[in-house]
Amino acid sequence: MELNQAVSQRIKKLLSARDFTQYTLFEYSGVPWSTISMICSCKVKDVRMGTLLNLCRGLNISLTDFFDDALFSFENLSDGNPETDKEKYSDESVS
């Protein structure tokens, strides 16, 4: 899974847990609804950290809490580059 997909799924999971809509998140975070919609539909490749910080504020969580999910494990994430995606993270590959 690519990082933008993981971010999208995490936001959707947090919205569902709080019974929020994307519009509610817009109201609490100040991030434009269109931006939230594009992030949730994976139309944004790279989410800016400032945007993510404001979304987290709207969800009343820290960035640490946002990324504290198996979605963001190295084993789950791909960077979209076929060359680096072939390489698995392991103790042997770390010097």
PDB file of N, CA and C in Angstrom:
ATOM      1  N   MET A   1       0.850  -1.170   0.000  1.00  0.00           N
ATOM      2  CA  MET A   1       0.000   0.000   0.000  1.00  0.00           C
ATOM      3  C   MET A   1       0.895   1.233   0.000  1.00  0.00           C
ATOM      4  N   GLU A   2       0.500   2.229  -0.762  1.00  0.00           N
ATOM      5  CA  GLU A   2       1.262   3.478  -0.793  1.00  0.00           C
ATOM      6  C   GLU A   2       0.865   4.355   0.395  1.00  0.00           C
ATOM      7  N   LEU A   3       1.752   5.277   0.744  1.00  0.00           N
ATOM      8  CA  LEU A   3       1.550   6.117   1.920  1.00  0.00           C
ATOM      9  C   LEU A   3       0.252   6.916   1.839  1.00  0.00           C
ATOM     10  N   ASN A   4      -0.077   7.453   0.663  1.00  0.00           N
ATOM     11  CA  ASN A   4      -1.311   8.235   0.559  1.00  0.00           C
ATOM     12  C   ASN A   4      -2.539   7.361   0.820  1.00  0.00           C
ATOM     13  N   GLN A   5      -2.473   6.085   0.468  1.00  0.00           N
ATOM     14  CA  GLN A   5      -3.580   5.173   0.748  1.00  0.00           C
ATOM     15  C   GLN A   5      -3.694   4.903   2.248  1.00  0.00           C
ATOM     16  N   ALA A   6      -2.555   4.755   2.909  1.00  0.00           N
ATOM     17  CA  ALA A   6      -2.556   4.533   4.357  1.00  0.00           C
ATOM     18  C   ALA A   6      -3.115   5.753   5.084  1.00  0.00           C
ATOM     19  N   VAL A   7      -2.713   6.948   4.656  1.00  0.00           N
ATOM     20  CA  VAL A   7      -3.229   8.183   5.261  1.00  0.00           C
ATOM     21  C   VAL A   7      -4.737   8.263   5.059  1.00  0.00           C
ATOM     22  N   SER A   8      -5.197   7.976   3.865  1.00  0.00           N
ATOM     23  CA  SER A   8      -6.629   8.003   3.565  1.00  0.00           C
ATOM     24  C   SER A   8      -7.396   7.029   4.458  1.00  0.00           C
ATOM     25  N   GLN A   9      -6.908   5.791   4.548  1.00  0.00           N
ATOM     26  CA  GLN A   9      -7.588   4.787   5.371  1.00  0.00           C
ATOM     27  C   GLN A   9      -7.587   5.173   6.842  1.00  0.00           C
ATOM     28  N   ARG A  10      -6.482   5.748   7.308  1.00  0.00           N
ATOM     29  CA  ARG A  10      -6.399   6.150   8.720  1.00  0.00           C
ATOM     30  C   ARG A  10      -7.393   7.268   9.018  1.00  0.00           C
ATOM     31  N   ILE A  11      -7.480   8.250   8.142  1.00  0.00           N
ATOM     32  CA  ILE A  11      -8.443   9.336   8.346  1.00  0.00           C
ATOM     33  C   ILE A  11      -9.860   8.778   8.360  1.00  0.00           C
ATOM     34  N   LYS A  12     -10.178   7.917   7.422  1.00  0.00           N
ATOM     35  CA  LYS A  12     -11.524   7.327   7.369  1.00  0.00           C
ATOM     36  C   LYS A  12     -11.834   6.545   8.638  1.00  0.00           C
ATOM     37  N   LYS A  13     -10.838   5.802   9.142  1.00  0.00           N
ATOM     38  CA  LYS A  13     -11.024   5.032  10.370  1.00  0.00           C
ATOM     39  C   LYS A  13     -11.292   5.962  11.556  1.00  0.00           C
ATOM     40  N   LEU A  14     -10.523   7.047  11.642  1.00  0.00           N
ATOM     41  CA  LEU A  14     -10.700   8.002  12.738  1.00  0.00           C
ATOM     42  C   LEU A  14     -12.028   8.746  12.626  1.00  0.00           C
ATOM     43  N   LEU A  15     -12.435   9.082  11.414  1.00  0.00           N
ATOM     44  CA  LEU A  15     -13.735   9.730  11.212  1.00  0.00           C
ATOM     45  C   LEU A  15     -14.855   8.810  11.675  1.00  0.00           C
ATOM     46  N   SER A  16     -14.778   7.551  11.284  1.00  0.00           N
ATOM     47  CA  SER A  16     -15.806   6.582  11.654  1.00  0.00           C
ATOM     48  C   SER A  16     -15.874   6.392  13.171  1.00  0.00           C
ATOM     49  N   ALA A  17     -14.714   6.304  13.815  1.00  0.00           N
ATOM     50  CA  ALA A  17     -14.669   6.106  15.269  1.00  0.00           C
ATOM     51  C   ALA A  17     -15.297   7.271  16.024  1.00  0.00           C
ATOM     52  N   ARG A  18     -15.248   8.461  15.434  1.00  0.00           N
ATOM     53  CA  ARG A  18     -15.800   9.654  16.080  1.00  0.00           C
ATOM     54  C   ARG A  18     -17.182  10.024  15.539  1.00  0.00           C
ATOM     55  N   ASP A  19     -17.673   9.236  14.609  1.00  0.00           N
ATOM     56  CA  ASP A  19     -18.944   9.524  13.944  1.00  0.00           C
ATOM     57  C   ASP A  19     -18.909  10.908  13.293  1.00  0.00           C
ATOM     58  N   PHE A  20     -17.762  11.231  12.691  1.00  0.00           N
ATOM     59  CA  PHE A  20     -17.557  12.494  11.970  1.00  0.00           C
ATOM     60  C   PHE A  20     -17.760  12.263  10.479  1.00  0.00           C
ATOM     61  N   THR A  21     -18.157  13.310   9.799  1.00  0.00           N
ATOM     62  CA  THR A  21     -18.125  13.321   8.341  1.00  0.00           C
ATOM     63  C   THR A  21     -16.888  14.111   7.919  1.00  0.00           C
ATOM     64  N   GLN A  22     -16.587  14.070   6.643  1.00  0.00           N
ATOM     65  CA  GLN A  22     -15.490  14.897   6.142  1.00  0.00           C
ATOM     66  C   GLN A  22     -15.801  16.370   6.393  1.00  0.00           C
ATOM     67  N   TYR A  23     -17.058  16.737   6.282  1.00  0.00           N
ATOM     68  CA  TYR A  23     -17.439  18.130   6.504  1.00  0.00           C
ATOM     69  C   TYR A  23     -17.222  18.525   7.969  1.00  0.00           C
ATOM     70  N   THR A  24     -17.535  17.619   8.882  1.00  0.00           N
ATOM     71  CA  THR A  24     -17.294  17.886  10.302  1.00  0.00           C
ATOM     72  C   THR A  24     -15.808  18.114  10.556  1.00  0.00           C
ATOM     73  N   LEU A  25     -14.977  17.289   9.924  1.00  0.00           N
ATOM     74  CA  LEU A  25     -13.534  17.458  10.078  1.00  0.00           C
ATOM     75  C   LEU A  25     -13.087  18.804   9.526  1.00  0.00           C
ATOM     76  N   PHE A  26     -13.657  19.226   8.421  1.00  0.00           N
ATOM     77  CA  PHE A  26     -13.374  20.562   7.875  1.00  0.00           C
ATOM     78  C   PHE A  26     -13.702  21.631   8.914  1.00  0.00           C
ATOM     79  N   GLU A  27     -14.870  21.509   9.543  1.00  0.00           N
ATOM     80  CA  GLU A  27     -15.289  22.513  10.529  1.00  0.00           C
ATOM     81  C   GLU A  27     -14.330  22.573  11.724  1.00  0.00           C
ATOM     82  N   TYR A  28     -13.855  21.419  12.182  1.00  0.00           N
ATOM     83  CA  TYR A  28     -12.966  21.375  13.347  1.00  0.00           C
ATOM     84  C   TYR A  28     -11.510  21.680  13.013  1.00  0.00           C
ATOM     85  N   SER A  29     -11.093  21.354  11.795  1.00  0.00           N
ATOM     86  CA  SER A  29      -9.668  21.473  11.454  1.00  0.00           C
ATOM     87  C   SER A  29      -9.315  22.730  10.672  1.00  0.00           C
ATOM     88  N   GLY A  30     -10.290  23.274   9.949  1.00  0.00           N
ATOM     89  CA  GLY A  30     -10.005  24.410   9.084  1.00  0.00           C
ATOM     90  C   GLY A  30      -9.395  24.017   7.748  1.00  0.00           C
ATOM     91  N   VAL A  31      -9.134  22.732   7.558  1.00  0.00           N
ATOM     92  CA  VAL A  31      -8.627  22.247   6.271  1.00  0.00           C
ATOM     93  C   VAL A  31      -9.801  22.238   5.297  1.00  0.00           C
ATOM     94  N   PRO A  32      -9.640  22.831   4.120  1.00  0.00           N
ATOM     95  CA  PRO A  32     -10.756  22.881   3.169  1.00  0.00           C
ATOM     96  C   PRO A  32     -11.363  21.498   2.920  1.00  0.00           C
ATOM     97  N   TRP A  33     -12.695  21.473   2.853  1.00  0.00           N
ATOM     98  CA  TRP A  33     -13.392  20.213   2.625  1.00  0.00           C
ATOM     99  C   TRP A  33     -12.905  19.546   1.347  1.00  0.00           C
ATOM    100  N   SER A  34     -12.644  20.338   0.309  1.00  0.00           N
ATOM    101  CA  SER A  34     -12.183  19.755  -0.957  1.00  0.00           C
ATOM    102  C   SER A  34     -10.838  19.052  -0.778  1.00  0.00           C
ATOM    103  N   THR A  35      -9.973  19.593   0.063  1.00  0.00           N
ATOM    104  CA  THR A  35      -8.677  18.959   0.334  1.00  0.00           C
ATOM    105  C   THR A  35      -8.881  17.647   1.078  1.00  0.00           C
ATOM    106  N   ILE A  36      -9.739  17.660   2.080  1.00  0.00           N
ATOM    107  CA  ILE A  36     -10.035  16.438   2.837  1.00  0.00           C
ATOM    108  C   ILE A  36     -10.609  15.380   1.908  1.00  0.00           C
ATOM    109  N   SER A  37     -11.523  15.779   1.048  1.00  0.00           N
ATOM    110  CA  SER A  37     -12.128  14.853   0.093  1.00  0.00           C
ATOM    111  C   SER A  37     -11.081  14.247  -0.835  1.00  0.00           C
ATOM    112  N   MET A  38     -10.172  15.081  -1.326  1.00  0.00           N
ATOM    113  CA  MET A  38      -9.135  14.591  -2.236  1.00  0.00           C
ATOM    114  C   MET A  38      -8.159  13.659  -1.511  1.00  0.00           C
ATOM    115  N   ILE A  39      -7.841  13.951  -0.259  1.00  0.00           N
ATOM    116  CA  ILE A  39      -6.962  13.069   0.517  1.00  0.00           C
ATOM    117  C   ILE A  39      -7.652  11.724   0.735  1.00  0.00           C
ATOM    118  N   CYS A  40      -8.927  11.765   1.115  1.00  0.00           N
ATOM    119  CA  CYS A  40      -9.662  10.531   1.402  1.00  0.00           C
ATOM    120  C   CYS A  40      -9.908   9.683   0.157  1.00  0.00           C
ATOM    121  N   SER A  41      -9.896  10.297  -1.006  1.00  0.00           N
ATOM    122  CA  SER A  41     -10.078   9.537  -2.250  1.00  0.00           C
ATOM    123  C   SER A  41      -8.740   9.246  -2.936  1.00  0.00           C
ATOM    124  N   CYS A  42      -7.646   9.473  -2.221  1.00  0.00           N
ATOM    125  CA  CYS A  42      -6.274   9.187  -2.700  1.00  0.00           C
ATOM    126  C   CYS A  42      -5.899   9.971  -3.951  1.00  0.00           C
ATOM    127  N   LYS A  43      -6.502  11.126  -4.142  1.00  0.00           N
ATOM    128  CA  LYS A  43      -6.149  11.963  -5.286  1.00  0.00           C
ATOM    129  C   LYS A  43      -4.959  12.867  -4.978  1.00  0.00           C
ATOM    130  N   VAL A  44      -4.567  12.908  -3.707  1.00  0.00           N
ATOM    131  CA  VAL A  44      -3.392  13.672  -3.287  1.00  0.00           C
ATOM    132  C   VAL A  44      -2.283  12.659  -3.025  1.00  0.00           C
ATOM    133  N   LYS A  45      -1.175  12.795  -3.739  1.00  0.00           N
ATOM    134  CA  LYS A  45      -0.058  11.847  -3.601  1.00  0.00           C
ATOM    135  C   LYS A  45       0.711  12.078  -2.302  1.00  0.00           C
ATOM    136  N   ASP A  46       1.027  13.324  -2.005  1.00  0.00           N
ATOM    137  CA  ASP A  46       1.812  13.661  -0.819  1.00  0.00           C
ATOM    138  C   ASP A  46       1.067  14.705   0.007  1.00  0.00           C
ATOM    139  N   VAL A  47       0.636  14.315   1.201  1.00  0.00           N
ATOM    140  CA  VAL A  47      -0.069  15.228   2.097  1.00  0.00           C
ATOM    141  C   VAL A  47       0.971  16.048   2.854  1.00  0.00           C
ATOM    142  N   ARG A  48       0.804  17.349   2.856  1.00  0.00           N
ATOM    143  CA  ARG A  48       1.733  18.223   3.587  1.00  0.00           C
ATOM    144  C   ARG A  48       1.588  17.998   5.086  1.00  0.00           C
ATOM    145  N   MET A  49       2.718  18.093   5.785  1.00  0.00           N
ATOM    146  CA  MET A  49       2.696  17.873   7.232  1.00  0.00           C
ATOM    147  C   MET A  49       1.833  18.908   7.942  1.00  0.00           C
ATOM    148  N   GLY A  50       1.827  20.146   7.465  1.00  0.00           N
ATOM    149  CA  GLY A  50       0.977  21.168   8.073  1.00  0.00           C
ATOM    150  C   GLY A  50      -0.497  20.820   7.946  1.00  0.00           C
ATOM    151  N   THR A  51      -0.867  20.279   6.806  1.00  0.00           N
ATOM    152  CA  THR A  51      -2.255  19.841   6.594  1.00  0.00           C
ATOM    153  C   THR A  51      -2.581  18.697   7.535  1.00  0.00           C
ATOM    154  N   LEU A  52      -1.675  17.734   7.626  1.00  0.00           N
ATOM    155  CA  LEU A  52      -1.896  16.592   8.505  1.00  0.00           C
ATOM    156  C   LEU A  52      -1.984  17.029   9.964  1.00  0.00           C
ATOM    157  N   LEU A  53      -1.143  17.985  10.355  1.00  0.00           N
ATOM    158  CA  LEU A  53      -1.189  18.515  11.718  1.00  0.00           C
ATOM    159  C   LEU A  53      -2.553  19.145  12.002  1.00  0.00           C
ATOM    160  N   ASN A  54      -3.069  19.933  11.070  1.00  0.00           N
ATOM    161  CA  ASN A  54      -4.385  20.553  11.263  1.00  0.00           C
ATOM    162  C   ASN A  54      -5.497  19.511  11.297  1.00  0.00           C
ATOM    163  N   LEU A  55      -5.388  18.472  10.484  1.00  0.00           N
ATOM    164  CA  LEU A  55      -6.381  17.393  10.536  1.00  0.00           C
ATOM    165  C   LEU A  55      -6.339  16.705  11.895  1.00  0.00           C
ATOM    166  N   CYS A  56      -5.136  16.466  12.402  1.00  0.00           N
ATOM    167  CA  CYS A  56      -5.000  15.847  13.726  1.00  0.00           C
ATOM    168  C   CYS A  56      -5.585  16.738  14.814  1.00  0.00           C
ATOM    169  N   ARG A  57      -5.362  18.030  14.710  1.00  0.00           N
ATOM    170  CA  ARG A  57      -5.963  18.960  15.681  1.00  0.00           C
ATOM    171  C   ARG A  57      -7.483  18.872  15.622  1.00  0.00           C
ATOM    172  N   GLY A  58      -8.025  18.791  14.417  1.00  0.00           N
ATOM    173  CA  GLY A  58      -9.471  18.660  14.259  1.00  0.00           C
ATOM    174  C   GLY A  58     -10.005  17.357  14.831  1.00  0.00           C
ATOM    175  N   LEU A  59      -9.178  16.330  14.820  1.00  0.00           N
ATOM    176  CA  LEU A  59      -9.555  15.029  15.380  1.00  0.00           C
ATOM    177  C   LEU A  59      -9.182  14.919  16.857  1.00  0.00           C
ATOM    178  N   ASN A  60      -8.515  15.957  17.376  1.00  0.00           N
ATOM    179  CA  ASN A  60      -8.067  16.006  18.769  1.00  0.00           C
ATOM    180  C   ASN A  60      -7.108  14.861  19.104  1.00  0.00           C
ATOM    181  N   ILE A  61      -6.158  14.627  18.187  1.00  0.00           N
ATOM    182  CA  ILE A  61      -5.122  13.627  18.418  1.00  0.00           C
ATOM    183  C   ILE A  61      -3.770  14.226  18.032  1.00  0.00           C
ATOM    184  N   SER A  62      -2.709  13.596  18.499  1.00  0.00           N
ATOM    185  CA  SER A  62      -1.364  14.032  18.126  1.00  0.00           C
ATOM    186  C   SER A  62      -0.950  13.340  16.827  1.00  0.00           C
ATOM    187  N   LEU A  63       0.089  13.864  16.211  1.00  0.00           N
ATOM    188  CA  LEU A  63       0.655  13.193  15.039  1.00  0.00           C
ATOM    189  C   LEU A  63       1.138  11.793  15.420  1.00  0.00           C
ATOM    190  N   THR A  64       1.672  11.658  16.627  1.00  0.00           N
ATOM    191  CA  THR A  64       2.118  10.346  17.105  1.00  0.00           C
ATOM    192  C   THR A  64       0.955   9.370  17.123  1.00  0.00           C
ATOM    193  N   ASP A  65      -0.191   9.817  17.648  1.00  0.00           N
ATOM    194  CA  ASP A  65      -1.378   8.960  17.675  1.00  0.00           C
ATOM    195  C   ASP A  65      -1.847   8.623  16.259  1.00  0.00           C
ATOM    196  N   PHE A  66      -1.752   9.585  15.362  1.00  0.00           N
ATOM    197  CA  PHE A  66      -2.189   9.350  13.986  1.00  0.00           C
ATOM    198  C   PHE A  66      -1.378   8.223  13.349  1.00  0.00           C
ATOM    199  N   PHE A  67      -0.067   8.275  13.517  1.00  0.00           N
ATOM    200  CA  PHE A  67       0.800   7.291  12.868  1.00  0.00           C
ATOM    201  C   PHE A  67       0.946   5.994  13.659  1.00  0.00           C
ATOM    202  N   ASP A  68       0.347   5.936  14.857  1.00  0.00           N
ATOM    203  CA  ASP A  68       0.425   4.732  15.686  1.00  0.00           C
ATOM    204  C   ASP A  68      -0.626   3.726  15.236  1.00  0.00           C
ATOM    205  N   ASP A  69      -0.404   3.158  14.068  1.00  0.00           N
ATOM    206  CA  ASP A  69      -1.345   2.214  13.473  1.00  0.00           C
ATOM    207  C   ASP A  69      -0.562   1.282  12.557  1.00  0.00           C
ATOM    208  N   ALA A  70      -0.977   0.042  12.484  1.00  0.00           N
ATOM    209  CA  ALA A  70      -0.291  -0.943  11.638  1.00  0.00           C
ATOM    210  C   ALA A  70      -0.258  -0.532  10.171  1.00  0.00           C
ATOM    211  N   LEU A  71      -1.155   0.346   9.766  1.00  0.00           N
ATOM    212  CA  LEU A  71      -1.140   0.832   8.383  1.00  0.00           C
ATOM    213  C   LEU A  71       0.213   1.419   8.014  1.00  0.00           C
ATOM    214  N   PHE A  72       0.915   1.977   8.998  1.00  0.00           N
ATOM    215  CA  PHE A  72       2.162   2.683   8.743  1.00  0.00           C
ATOM    216  C   PHE A  72       3.410   1.844   9.036  1.00  0.00           C
ATOM    217  N   SER A  73       3.246   0.533   9.178  1.00  0.00           N
ATOM    218  CA  SER A  73       4.419  -0.325   9.382  1.00  0.00           C
ATOM    219  C   SER A  73       5.199  -0.434   8.074  1.00  0.00           C
ATOM    220  N   PHE A  74       6.502  -0.606   8.183  1.00  0.00           N
ATOM    221  CA  PHE A  74       7.350  -0.734   6.994  1.00  0.00           C
ATOM    222  C   PHE A  74       6.870  -1.875   6.098  1.00  0.00           C
ATOM    223  N   GLU A  75       6.434  -2.963   6.718  1.00  0.00           N
ATOM    224  CA  GLU A  75       6.001  -4.125   5.950  1.00  0.00           C
ATOM    225  C   GLU A  75       4.758  -3.834   5.126  1.00  0.00           C
ATOM    226  N   ASN A  76       3.966  -2.890   5.566  1.00  0.00           N
ATOM    227  CA  ASN A  76       2.703  -2.578   4.900  1.00  0.00           C
ATOM    228  C   ASN A  76       2.849  -1.514   3.823  1.00  0.00           C
ATOM    229  N   LEU A  77       3.885  -0.694   3.920  1.00  0.00           N
ATOM    230  CA  LEU A  77       4.002   0.461   3.031  1.00  0.00           C
ATOM    231  C   LEU A  77       4.916   0.215   1.845  1.00  0.00           C
ATOM    232  N   SER A  78       4.524   0.808   0.743  1.00  0.00           N
ATOM    233  CA  SER A  78       5.310   0.816  -0.485  1.00  0.00           C
ATOM    234  C   SER A  78       5.550   2.274  -0.830  1.00  0.00           C
ATOM    235  N   ASP A  79       6.671   2.556  -1.457  1.00  0.00           N
ATOM    236  CA  ASP A  79       6.894   3.936  -1.892  1.00  0.00           C
ATOM    237  C   ASP A  79       6.544   4.125  -3.360  1.00  0.00           C
ATOM    238  N   GLY A  80       6.016   3.085  -3.989  1.00  0.00           N
ATOM    239  CA  GLY A  80       5.623   3.183  -5.389  1.00  0.00           C
ATOM    240  C   GLY A  80       6.769   2.991  -6.358  1.00  0.00           C
ATOM    241  N   ASN A  81       7.968   2.772  -5.847  1.00  0.00           N
ATOM    242  CA  ASN A  81       9.146   2.567  -6.687  1.00  0.00           C
ATOM    243  C   ASN A  81       9.415   1.066  -6.771  1.00  0.00           C
ATOM    244  N   PRO A  82       9.285   0.459  -7.953  1.00  0.00           N
ATOM    245  CA  PRO A  82       9.475  -0.992  -8.070  1.00  0.00           C
ATOM    246  C   PRO A  82      10.839  -1.472  -7.581  1.00  0.00           C
ATOM    247  N   GLU A  83      11.869  -0.664  -7.736  1.00  0.00           N
ATOM    248  CA  GLU A  83      13.208  -1.074  -7.295  1.00  0.00           C
ATOM    249  C   GLU A  83      13.295  -1.192  -5.777  1.00  0.00           C
ATOM    250  N   THR A  84      12.775  -0.211  -5.065  1.00  0.00           N
ATOM    251  CA  THR A  84      12.860  -0.258  -3.604  1.00  0.00           C
ATOM    252  C   THR A  84      11.772  -1.135  -3.007  1.00  0.00           C
ATOM    253  N   ASP A  85      10.663  -1.315  -3.713  1.00  0.00           N
ATOM    254  CA  ASP A  85       9.596  -2.176  -3.201  1.00  0.00           C
ATOM    255  C   ASP A  85      10.017  -3.641  -3.183  1.00  0.00           C
ATOM    256  N   LYS A  86      10.988  -4.009  -4.020  1.00  0.00           N
ATOM    257  CA  LYS A  86      11.472  -5.390  -4.039  1.00  0.00           C
ATOM    258  C   LYS A  86      12.236  -5.707  -2.758  1.00  0.00           C
ATOM    259  N   GLU A  87      12.874  -4.690  -2.221  1.00  0.00           N
ATOM    260  CA  GLU A  87      13.710  -4.883  -1.036  1.00  0.00           C
ATOM    261  C   GLU A  87      12.842  -4.853   0.215  1.00  0.00           C
ATOM    262  N   LYS A  88      12.923  -5.899   1.011  1.00  0.00           N
ATOM    263  CA  LYS A  88      12.180  -5.941   2.268  1.00  0.00           C
ATOM    264  C   LYS A  88      13.058  -5.397   3.378  1.00  0.00           C
ATOM    265  N   TYR A  89      12.431  -4.738   4.329  1.00  0.00           N
ATOM    266  CA  TYR A  89      13.176  -4.244   5.475  1.00  0.00           C
ATOM    267  C   TYR A  89      13.476  -5.419   6.393  1.00  0.00           C
ATOM    268  N   SER A  90      14.725  -5.592   6.715  1.00  0.00           N
ATOM    269  CA  SER A  90      15.121  -6.667   7.623  1.00  0.00           C
ATOM    270  C   SER A  90      16.346  -6.215   8.409  1.00  0.00           C
ATOM    271  N   ASP A  91      16.660  -6.967   9.452  1.00  0.00           N
ATOM    272  CA  ASP A  91      17.837  -6.649  10.262  1.00  0.00           C
ATOM    273  C   ASP A  91      19.109  -6.727   9.433  1.00  0.00           C
ATOM    274  N   GLU A  92      19.141  -7.622   8.451  1.00  0.00           N
ATOM    275  CA  GLU A  92      20.327  -7.784   7.629  1.00  0.00           C
ATOM    276  C   GLU A  92      20.569  -6.576   6.730  1.00  0.00           C
ATOM    277  N   SER A  93      19.502  -5.868   6.325  1.00  0.00           N
ATOM    278  CA  SER A  93      19.668  -4.746   5.399  1.00  0.00           C
ATOM    279  C   SER A  93      20.023  -3.444   6.110  1.00  0.00           C
ATOM    280  N   VAL A  94      19.977  -3.448   7.430  1.00  0.00           N
ATOM    281  CA  VAL A  94      20.297  -2.250   8.206  1.00  0.00           C
ATOM    282  C   VAL A  94      21.720  -2.374   8.722  1.00  0.00           C
ATOM    283  N   SER A  95      22.535  -1.349   8.472  1.00  0.00           N
ATOM    284  CA  SER A  95      23.910  -1.412   8.972  1.00  0.00           C
ATOM    285  C   SER A  95      24.073  -0.538  10.179  1.00  0.00           C
TER     286      SER A  95
END
